[in-house]
Amino acid sequence: LNVFVHLLGADGGVIAQHDGQPVGGFTPTSRWRAGEVIADTHRIPLPPEIGPGGYGLKAGLYDPATVTNLPVDPPTPDNRVELGVVEVR
């Protein structure tokens, strides 16, 4: 599985993102155990035209073979988890 992290504009649309294997490929989901916590970092390149302000951040997992997001708990319509708001200065 791959991880995605989306930076969202005011309208909720994705304005920047990063997709990749968990922990840079060093800890694939096939080795995860139930209840295990995996620390993972994803750097999102910002578009040059981005202005200062608060931007929503959402993340999730998807199957790269089908490009289908895995369900999240609690369920959301887009199978993404809301991580909060980040400030761009």
PDB file of N, CA and C in Angstrom:
ATOM      1  N   LEU A   1       0.833  -1.184   0.000  1.00  0.00           N
ATOM      2  CA  LEU A   1       0.000   0.000   0.000  1.00  0.00           C
ATOM      3  C   LEU A   1       0.874   1.242   0.000  1.00  0.00           C
ATOM      4  N   ASN A   2       0.335   2.325  -0.507  1.00  0.00           N
ATOM      5  CA  ASN A   2       1.010   3.614  -0.497  1.00  0.00           C
ATOM      6  C   ASN A   2       0.262   4.584   0.404  1.00  0.00           C
ATOM      7  N   VAL A   3       0.991   5.564   0.889  1.00  0.00           N
ATOM      8  CA  VAL A   3       0.431   6.636   1.705  1.00  0.00           C
ATOM      9  C   VAL A   3       0.258   7.863   0.821  1.00  0.00           C
ATOM     10  N   PHE A   4      -0.806   8.625   1.057  1.00  0.00           N
ATOM     11  CA  PHE A   4      -0.938   9.928   0.406  1.00  0.00           C
ATOM     12  C   PHE A   4      -1.215  10.979   1.468  1.00  0.00           C
ATOM     13  N   VAL A   5      -0.701  12.178   1.233  1.00  0.00           N
ATOM     14  CA  VAL A   5      -0.974  13.327   2.088  1.00  0.00           C
ATOM     15  C   VAL A   5      -1.372  14.463   1.157  1.00  0.00           C
ATOM     16  N   HIS A   6      -2.529  15.053   1.410  1.00  0.00           N
ATOM     17  CA  HIS A   6      -3.066  16.122   0.560  1.00  0.00           C
ATOM     18  C   HIS A   6      -3.127  17.437   1.329  1.00  0.00           C
ATOM     19  N   LEU A   7      -2.614  18.492   0.713  1.00  0.00           N
ATOM     20  CA  LEU A   7      -2.774  19.849   1.218  1.00  0.00           C
ATOM     21  C   LEU A   7      -3.949  20.455   0.466  1.00  0.00           C
ATOM     22  N   LEU A   8      -4.916  20.994   1.206  1.00  0.00           N
ATOM     23  CA  LEU A   8      -6.180  21.433   0.613  1.00  0.00           C
ATOM     24  C   LEU A   8      -6.332  22.943   0.603  1.00  0.00           C
ATOM     25  N   GLY A   9      -6.891  23.447  -0.487  1.00  0.00           N
ATOM     26  CA  GLY A   9      -7.227  24.858  -0.586  1.00  0.00           C
ATOM     27  C   GLY A   9      -8.525  25.158   0.139  1.00  0.00           C
ATOM     28  N   ALA A  10      -8.925  26.424   0.123  1.00  0.00           N
ATOM     29  CA  ALA A  10     -10.145  26.862   0.807  1.00  0.00           C
ATOM     30  C   ALA A  10     -11.387  26.130   0.298  1.00  0.00           C
ATOM     31  N   ASP A  11     -11.375  25.730  -0.984  1.00  0.00           N
ATOM     32  CA  ASP A  11     -12.519  25.033  -1.568  1.00  0.00           C
ATOM     33  C   ASP A  11     -12.483  23.521  -1.305  1.00  0.00           C
ATOM     34  N   GLY A  12     -11.451  23.043  -0.596  1.00  0.00           N
ATOM     35  CA  GLY A  12     -11.330  21.613  -0.309  1.00  0.00           C
ATOM     36  C   GLY A  12     -10.590  20.833  -1.376  1.00  0.00           C
ATOM     37  N   GLY A  13     -10.219  21.494  -2.472  1.00  0.00           N
ATOM     38  CA  GLY A  13      -9.481  20.822  -3.542  1.00  0.00           C
ATOM     39  C   GLY A  13      -8.012  20.642  -3.185  1.00  0.00           C
ATOM     40  N   VAL A  14      -7.415  19.610  -3.733  1.00  0.00           N
ATOM     41  CA  VAL A  14      -5.999  19.323  -3.489  1.00  0.00           C
ATOM     42  C   VAL A  14      -5.141  20.332  -4.253  1.00  0.00           C
ATOM     43  N   ILE A  15      -4.273  21.043  -3.531  1.00  0.00           N
ATOM     44  CA  ILE A  15      -3.376  21.995  -4.192  1.00  0.00           C
ATOM     45  C   ILE A  15      -1.925  21.505  -4.187  1.00  0.00           C
ATOM     46  N   ALA A  16      -1.629  20.540  -3.332  1.00  0.00           N
ATOM     47  CA  ALA A  16      -0.302  19.924  -3.304  1.00  0.00           C
ATOM     48  C   ALA A  16      -0.440  18.577  -2.613  1.00  0.00           C
ATOM     49  N   GLN A  17       0.464  17.656  -2.949  1.00  0.00           N
ATOM     50  CA  GLN A  17       0.366  16.336  -2.328  1.00  0.00           C
ATOM     51  C   GLN A  17       1.696  15.611  -2.391  1.00  0.00           C
ATOM     52  N   HIS A  18       1.777  14.564  -1.583  1.00  0.00           N
ATOM     53  CA  HIS A  18       2.899  13.632  -1.664  1.00  0.00           C
ATOM     54  C   HIS A  18       2.339  12.232  -1.520  1.00  0.00           C
ATOM     55  N   ASP A  19       2.781  11.330  -2.388  1.00  0.00           N
ATOM     56  CA  ASP A  19       2.418   9.915  -2.328  1.00  0.00           C
ATOM     57  C   ASP A  19       3.706   9.116  -2.210  1.00  0.00           C
ATOM     58  N   GLY A  20       3.661   8.033  -1.492  1.00  0.00           N
ATOM     59  CA  GLY A  20       4.842   7.186  -1.402  1.00  0.00           C
ATOM     60  C   GLY A  20       4.628   6.015  -0.480  1.00  0.00           C
ATOM     61  N   GLN A  21       5.591   5.124  -0.471  1.00  0.00           N
ATOM     62  CA  GLN A  21       5.527   3.971   0.414  1.00  0.00           C
ATOM     63  C   GLN A  21       5.797   4.424   1.846  1.00  0.00           C
ATOM     64  N   PRO A  22       5.192   3.750   2.818  1.00  0.00           N
ATOM     65  CA  PRO A  22       5.421   4.125   4.216  1.00  0.00           C
ATOM     66  C   PRO A  22       6.906   4.072   4.568  1.00  0.00           C
ATOM     67  N   VAL A  23       7.348   5.076   5.300  1.00  0.00           N
ATOM     68  CA  VAL A  23       8.725   5.188   5.796  1.00  0.00           C
ATOM     69  C   VAL A  23       9.723   5.016   4.640  1.00  0.00           C
ATOM     70  N   GLY A  24       9.416   5.614   3.502  1.00  0.00           N
ATOM     71  CA  GLY A  24      10.313   5.577   2.357  1.00  0.00           C
ATOM     72  C   GLY A  24      10.574   4.189   1.808  1.00  0.00           C
ATOM     73  N   GLY A  25       9.664   3.259   2.067  1.00  0.00           N
ATOM     74  CA  GLY A  25       9.807   1.895   1.573  1.00  0.00           C
ATOM     75  C   GLY A  25      10.491   0.958   2.559  1.00  0.00           C
ATOM     76  N   PHE A  26      10.946   1.479   3.702  1.00  0.00           N
ATOM     77  CA  PHE A  26      11.646   0.644   4.677  1.00  0.00           C
ATOM     78  C   PHE A  26      10.701  -0.151   5.578  1.00  0.00           C
ATOM     79  N   THR A  27       9.431   0.254   5.635  1.00  0.00           N
ATOM     80  CA  THR A  27       8.465  -0.436   6.485  1.00  0.00           C
ATOM     81  C   THR A  27       7.171  -0.642   5.708  1.00  0.00           C
ATOM     82  N   PRO A  28       7.150  -1.579   4.745  1.00  0.00           N
ATOM     83  CA  PRO A  28       5.926  -1.800   3.970  1.00  0.00           C
ATOM     84  C   PRO A  28       4.784  -2.295   4.854  1.00  0.00           C
ATOM     85  N   THR A  29       3.583  -2.000   4.438  1.00  0.00           N
ATOM     86  CA  THR A  29       2.411  -2.383   5.233  1.00  0.00           C
ATOM     87  C   THR A  29       2.295  -3.889   5.408  1.00  0.00           C
ATOM     88  N   SER A  30       2.929  -4.663   4.544  1.00  0.00           N
ATOM     89  CA  SER A  30       2.884  -6.125   4.684  1.00  0.00           C
ATOM     90  C   SER A  30       3.584  -6.591   5.965  1.00  0.00           C
ATOM     91  N   ARG A  31       4.407  -5.733   6.563  1.00  0.00           N
ATOM     92  CA  ARG A  31       5.095  -6.088   7.813  1.00  0.00           C
ATOM     93  C   ARG A  31       4.455  -5.458   9.046  1.00  0.00           C
ATOM     94  N   TRP A  32       3.404  -4.678   8.874  1.00  0.00           N
ATOM     95  CA  TRP A  32       2.754  -4.048  10.019  1.00  0.00           C
ATOM     96  C   TRP A  32       2.019  -5.087  10.853  1.00  0.00           C
ATOM     97  N   ARG A  33       1.959  -4.846  12.152  1.00  0.00           N
ATOM     98  CA  ARG A  33       1.192  -5.697  13.070  1.00  0.00           C
ATOM     99  C   ARG A  33       0.012  -4.893  13.608  1.00  0.00           C
ATOM    100  N   ALA A  34      -1.056  -5.573  13.924  1.00  0.00           N
ATOM    101  CA  ALA A  34      -2.242  -4.903  14.474  1.00  0.00           C
ATOM    102  C   ALA A  34      -1.854  -4.101  15.714  1.00  0.00           C
ATOM    103  N   GLY A  35      -2.291  -2.845  15.769  1.00  0.00           N
ATOM    104  CA  GLY A  35      -2.037  -1.981  16.907  1.00  0.00           C
ATOM    105  C   GLY A  35      -0.680  -1.296  16.894  1.00  0.00           C
ATOM    106  N   GLU A  36       0.170  -1.627  15.949  1.00  0.00           N
ATOM    107  CA  GLU A  36       1.495  -1.020  15.866  1.00  0.00           C
ATOM    108  C   GLU A  36       1.376   0.429  15.388  1.00  0.00           C
ATOM    109  N   VAL A  37       2.185   1.305  15.946  1.00  0.00           N
ATOM    110  CA  VAL A  37       2.220   2.707  15.531  1.00  0.00           C
ATOM    111  C   VAL A  37       3.465   2.905  14.672  1.00  0.00           C
ATOM    112  N   ILE A  38       3.280   3.417  13.454  1.00  0.00           N
ATOM    113  CA  ILE A  38       4.371   3.647  12.517  1.00  0.00           C
ATOM    114  C   ILE A  38       4.527   5.153  12.324  1.00  0.00           C
ATOM    115  N   ALA A  39       5.686   5.689  12.662  1.00  0.00           N
ATOM    116  CA  ALA A  39       5.968   7.107  12.419  1.00  0.00           C
ATOM    117  C   ALA A  39       6.401   7.263  10.958  1.00  0.00           C
ATOM    118  N   ASP A  40       5.787   8.201  10.264  1.00  0.00           N
ATOM    119  CA  ASP A  40       6.063   8.375   8.837  1.00  0.00           C
ATOM    120  C   ASP A  40       6.081   9.861   8.515  1.00  0.00           C
ATOM    121  N   THR A  41       7.037  10.289   7.719  1.00  0.00           N
ATOM    122  CA  THR A  41       7.170  11.690   7.342  1.00  0.00           C
ATOM    123  C   THR A  41       6.989  11.832   5.837  1.00  0.00           C
ATOM    124  N   HIS A  42       6.186  12.807   5.447  1.00  0.00           N
ATOM    125  CA  HIS A  42       5.986  13.103   4.026  1.00  0.00           C
ATOM    126  C   HIS A  42       6.152  14.600   3.823  1.00  0.00           C
ATOM    127  N   ARG A  43       7.068  14.970   2.966  1.00  0.00           N
ATOM    128  CA  ARG A  43       7.290  16.380   2.630  1.00  0.00           C
ATOM    129  C   ARG A  43       6.445  16.716   1.403  1.00  0.00           C
ATOM    130  N   ILE A  44       5.689  17.790   1.520  1.00  0.00           N
ATOM    131  CA  ILE A  44       4.814  18.208   0.431  1.00  0.00           C
ATOM    132  C   ILE A  44       5.421  19.432  -0.240  1.00  0.00           C
ATOM    133  N   PRO A  45       5.843  19.292  -1.505  1.00  0.00           N
ATOM    134  CA  PRO A  45       6.357  20.473  -2.205  1.00  0.00           C
ATOM    135  C   PRO A  45       5.223  21.472  -2.443  1.00  0.00           C
ATOM    136  N   LEU A  46       5.447  22.713  -2.057  1.00  0.00           N
ATOM    137  CA  LEU A  46       4.407  23.733  -2.212  1.00  0.00           C
ATOM    138  C   LEU A  46       4.530  24.411  -3.567  1.00  0.00           C
ATOM    139  N   PRO A  47       3.385  24.676  -4.195  1.00  0.00           N
ATOM    140  CA  PRO A  47       3.432  25.404  -5.464  1.00  0.00           C
ATOM    141  C   PRO A  47       3.918  26.839  -5.222  1.00  0.00           C
ATOM    142  N   PRO A  48       4.653  27.417  -6.174  1.00  0.00           N
ATOM    143  CA  PRO A  48       5.208  28.762  -5.969  1.00  0.00           C
ATOM    144  C   PRO A  48       4.148  29.832  -5.736  1.00  0.00           C
ATOM    145  N   GLU A  49       2.950  29.628  -6.250  1.00  0.00           N
ATOM    146  CA  GLU A  49       1.915  30.659  -6.123  1.00  0.00           C
ATOM    147  C   GLU A  49       1.120  30.581  -4.820  1.00  0.00           C
ATOM    148  N   ILE A  50       1.467  29.649  -3.937  1.00  0.00           N
ATOM    149  CA  ILE A  50       0.705  29.505  -2.695  1.00  0.00           C
ATOM    150  C   ILE A  50       0.907  30.742  -1.819  1.00  0.00           C
ATOM    151  N   GLY A  51      -0.184  31.203  -1.230  1.00  0.00           N
ATOM    152  CA  GLY A  51      -0.122  32.374  -0.356  1.00  0.00           C
ATOM    153  C   GLY A  51      -0.119  31.952   1.100  1.00  0.00           C
ATOM    154  N   PRO A  52       0.188  32.888   1.980  1.00  0.00           N
ATOM    155  CA  PRO A  52       0.164  32.575   3.400  1.00  0.00           C
ATOM    156  C   PRO A  52      -1.267  32.292   3.859  1.00  0.00           C
ATOM    157  N   GLY A  53      -1.378  31.482   4.904  1.00  0.00           N
ATOM    158  CA  GLY A  53      -2.681  31.172   5.466  1.00  0.00           C
ATOM    159  C   GLY A  53      -2.777  29.735   5.940  1.00  0.00           C
ATOM    160  N   GLY A  54      -3.979  29.373   6.376  1.00  0.00           N
ATOM    161  CA  GLY A  54      -4.228  28.030   6.876  1.00  0.00           C
ATOM    162  C   GLY A  54      -4.723  27.115   5.765  1.00  0.00           C
ATOM    163  N   TYR A  55      -4.182  25.906   5.724  1.00  0.00           N
ATOM    164  CA  TYR A  55      -4.542  24.923   4.707  1.00  0.00           C
ATOM    165  C   TYR A  55      -4.845  23.591   5.385  1.00  0.00           C
ATOM    166  N   GLY A  56      -5.935  22.960   4.954  1.00  0.00           N
ATOM    167  CA  GLY A  56      -6.293  21.660   5.492  1.00  0.00           C
ATOM    168  C   GLY A  56      -5.308  20.591   5.046  1.00  0.00           C
ATOM    169  N   LEU A  57      -5.181  19.565   5.874  1.00  0.00           N
ATOM    170  CA  LEU A  57      -4.277  18.462   5.585  1.00  0.00           C
ATOM    171  C   LEU A  57      -5.029  17.164   5.819  1.00  0.00           C
ATOM    172  N   LYS A  58      -5.053  16.303   4.800  1.00  0.00           N
ATOM    173  CA  LYS A  58      -5.707  15.002   4.906  1.00  0.00           C
ATOM    174  C   LYS A  58      -4.752  13.923   4.411  1.00  0.00           C
ATOM    175  N   ALA A  59      -4.953  12.696   4.899  1.00  0.00           N
ATOM    176  CA  ALA A  59      -4.069  11.593   4.517  1.00  0.00           C
ATOM    177  C   ALA A  59      -4.846  10.287   4.479  1.00  0.00           C
ATOM    178  N   GLY A  60      -4.208   9.276   3.900  1.00  0.00           N
ATOM    179  CA  GLY A  60      -4.798   7.948   3.855  1.00  0.00           C
ATOM    180  C   GLY A  60      -3.866   6.972   3.169  1.00  0.00           C
ATOM    181  N   LEU A  61      -4.380   5.781   2.952  1.00  0.00           N
ATOM    182  CA  LEU A  61      -3.648   4.719   2.259  1.00  0.00           C
ATOM    183  C   LEU A  61      -4.423   4.308   1.022  1.00  0.00           C
ATOM    184  N   TYR A  62      -3.696   3.873  -0.004  1.00  0.00           N
ATOM    185  CA  TYR A  62      -4.370   3.369  -1.195  1.00  0.00           C
ATOM    186  C   TYR A  62      -3.594   2.205  -1.782  1.00  0.00           C
ATOM    187  N   ASP A  63      -4.311   1.390  -2.537  1.00  0.00           N
ATOM    188  CA  ASP A  63      -3.723   0.268  -3.256  1.00  0.00           C
ATOM    189  C   ASP A  63      -3.220   0.802  -4.590  1.00  0.00           C
ATOM    190  N   PRO A  64      -1.896   0.782  -4.852  1.00  0.00           N
ATOM    191  CA  PRO A  64      -1.395   1.351  -6.106  1.00  0.00           C
ATOM    192  C   PRO A  64      -1.841   0.573  -7.344  1.00  0.00           C
ATOM    193  N   ALA A  65      -2.209  -0.679  -7.186  1.00  0.00           N
ATOM    194  CA  ALA A  65      -2.652  -1.470  -8.341  1.00  0.00           C
ATOM    195  C   ALA A  65      -4.015  -1.007  -8.841  1.00  0.00           C
ATOM    196  N   THR A  66      -4.870  -0.566  -7.911  1.00  0.00           N
ATOM    197  CA  THR A  66      -6.225  -0.157  -8.292  1.00  0.00           C
ATOM    198  C   THR A  66      -6.460   1.341  -8.087  1.00  0.00           C
ATOM    199  N   VAL A  67      -5.517   2.017  -7.431  1.00  0.00           N
ATOM    200  CA  VAL A  67      -5.630   3.432  -7.053  1.00  0.00           C
ATOM    201  C   VAL A  67      -6.937   3.666  -6.291  1.00  0.00           C
ATOM    202  N   THR A  68      -7.226   2.756  -5.368  1.00  0.00           N
ATOM    203  CA  THR A  68      -8.423   2.835  -4.544  1.00  0.00           C
ATOM    204  C   THR A  68      -8.028   3.088  -3.094  1.00  0.00           C
ATOM    205  N   ASN A  69      -8.607   4.143  -2.495  1.00  0.00           N
ATOM    206  CA  ASN A  69      -8.330   4.448  -1.091  1.00  0.00           C
ATOM    207  C   ASN A  69      -8.903   3.368  -0.195  1.00  0.00           C
ATOM    208  N   LEU A  70      -8.141   2.995   0.836  1.00  0.00           N
ATOM    209  CA  LEU A  70      -8.644   2.062   1.831  1.00  0.00           C
ATOM    210  C   LEU A  70      -9.662   2.774   2.708  1.00  0.00           C
ATOM    211  N   PRO A  71     -10.655   2.063   3.219  1.00  0.00           N
ATOM    212  CA  PRO A  71     -11.611   2.680   4.133  1.00  0.00           C
ATOM    213  C   PRO A  71     -10.915   3.131   5.419  1.00  0.00           C
ATOM    214  N   VAL A  72     -11.435   4.170   6.029  1.00  0.00           N
ATOM    215  CA  VAL A  72     -10.911   4.672   7.293  1.00  0.00           C
ATOM    216  C   VAL A  72     -11.961   4.506   8.384  1.00  0.00           C
ATOM    217  N   ASP A  73     -11.508   4.580   9.645  1.00  0.00           N
ATOM    218  CA  ASP A  73     -12.411   4.421  10.782  1.00  0.00           C
ATOM    219  C   ASP A  73     -12.182   5.579  11.743  1.00  0.00           C
ATOM    220  N   PRO A  74     -13.181   6.439  11.964  1.00  0.00           N
ATOM    221  CA  PRO A  74     -14.544   6.352  11.455  1.00  0.00           C
ATOM    222  C   PRO A  74     -14.595   6.659   9.959  1.00  0.00           C
ATOM    223  N   PRO A  75     -15.605   6.106   9.299  1.00  0.00           N
ATOM    224  CA  PRO A  75     -15.720   6.273   7.844  1.00  0.00           C
ATOM    225  C   PRO A  75     -15.875   7.741   7.434  1.00  0.00           C
ATOM    226  N   THR A  76     -15.318   8.068   6.281  1.00  0.00           N
ATOM    227  CA  THR A  76     -15.497   9.385   5.675  1.00  0.00           C
ATOM    228  C   THR A  76     -15.893   9.162   4.219  1.00  0.00           C
ATOM    229  N   PRO A  77     -16.566  10.113   3.596  1.00  0.00           N
ATOM    230  CA  PRO A  77     -17.002   9.921   2.204  1.00  0.00           C
ATOM    231  C   PRO A  77     -15.844   9.706   1.223  1.00  0.00           C
ATOM    232  N   ASP A  78     -14.676  10.316   1.506  1.00  0.00           N
ATOM    233  CA  ASP A  78     -13.555  10.211   0.567  1.00  0.00           C
ATOM    234  C   ASP A  78     -12.441   9.277   1.058  1.00  0.00           C
ATOM    235  N   ASN A  79     -12.686   8.563   2.156  1.00  0.00           N
ATOM    236  CA  ASN A  79     -11.690   7.643   2.729  1.00  0.00           C
ATOM    237  C   ASN A  79     -10.350   8.331   2.979  1.00  0.00           C
ATOM    238  N   ARG A  80     -10.436   9.558   3.519  1.00  0.00           N
ATOM    239  CA  ARG A  80      -9.250  10.293   3.943  1.00  0.00           C
ATOM    240  C   ARG A  80      -9.451  10.706   5.395  1.00  0.00           C
ATOM    241  N   VAL A  81      -8.353  10.756   6.151  1.00  0.00           N
ATOM    242  CA  VAL A  81      -8.385  11.171   7.545  1.00  0.00           C
ATOM    243  C   VAL A  81      -7.970  12.632   7.615  1.00  0.00           C
ATOM    244  N   GLU A  82      -8.748  13.432   8.343  1.00  0.00           N
ATOM    245  CA  GLU A  82      -8.411  14.843   8.503  1.00  0.00           C
ATOM    246  C   GLU A  82      -7.341  14.970   9.577  1.00  0.00           C
ATOM    247  N   LEU A  83      -6.211  15.591   9.215  1.00  0.00           N
ATOM    248  CA  LEU A  83      -5.091  15.750  10.142  1.00  0.00           C
ATOM    249  C   LEU A  83      -5.074  17.108  10.817  1.00  0.00           C
ATOM    250  N   GLY A  84      -5.849  18.050  10.297  1.00  0.00           N
ATOM    251  CA  GLY A  84      -5.894  19.377  10.876  1.00  0.00           C
ATOM    252  C   GLY A  84      -5.541  20.443   9.856  1.00  0.00           C
ATOM    253  N   VAL A  85      -5.097  21.582  10.369  1.00  0.00           N
ATOM    254  CA  VAL A  85      -4.755  22.743   9.530  1.00  0.00           C
ATOM    255  C   VAL A  85      -3.283  23.074   9.753  1.00  0.00           C
ATOM    256  N   VAL A  86      -2.585  23.368   8.660  1.00  0.00           N
ATOM    257  CA  VAL A  86      -1.196  23.825   8.752  1.00  0.00           C
ATOM    258  C   VAL A  86      -1.141  25.282   8.292  1.00  0.00           C
ATOM    259  N   GLU A  87      -0.244  26.036   8.892  1.00  0.00           N
ATOM    260  CA  GLU A  87      -0.075  27.440   8.533  1.00  0.00           C
ATOM    261  C   GLU A  87       1.112  27.593   7.591  1.00  0.00           C
ATOM    262  N   VAL A  88       0.881  28.244   6.470  1.00  0.00           N
ATOM    263  CA  VAL A  88       1.945  28.583   5.537  1.00  0.00           C
ATOM    264  C   VAL A  88       2.227  30.070   5.727  1.00  0.00           C
ATOM    265  N   ARG A  89       3.502  30.387   5.905  1.00  0.00           N
ATOM    266  CA  ARG A  89       3.866  31.806   6.144  1.00  0.00           C
ATOM    267  C   ARG A  89       4.751  32.319   5.043  1.00  0.00           C
TER     268      ARG A  89
END
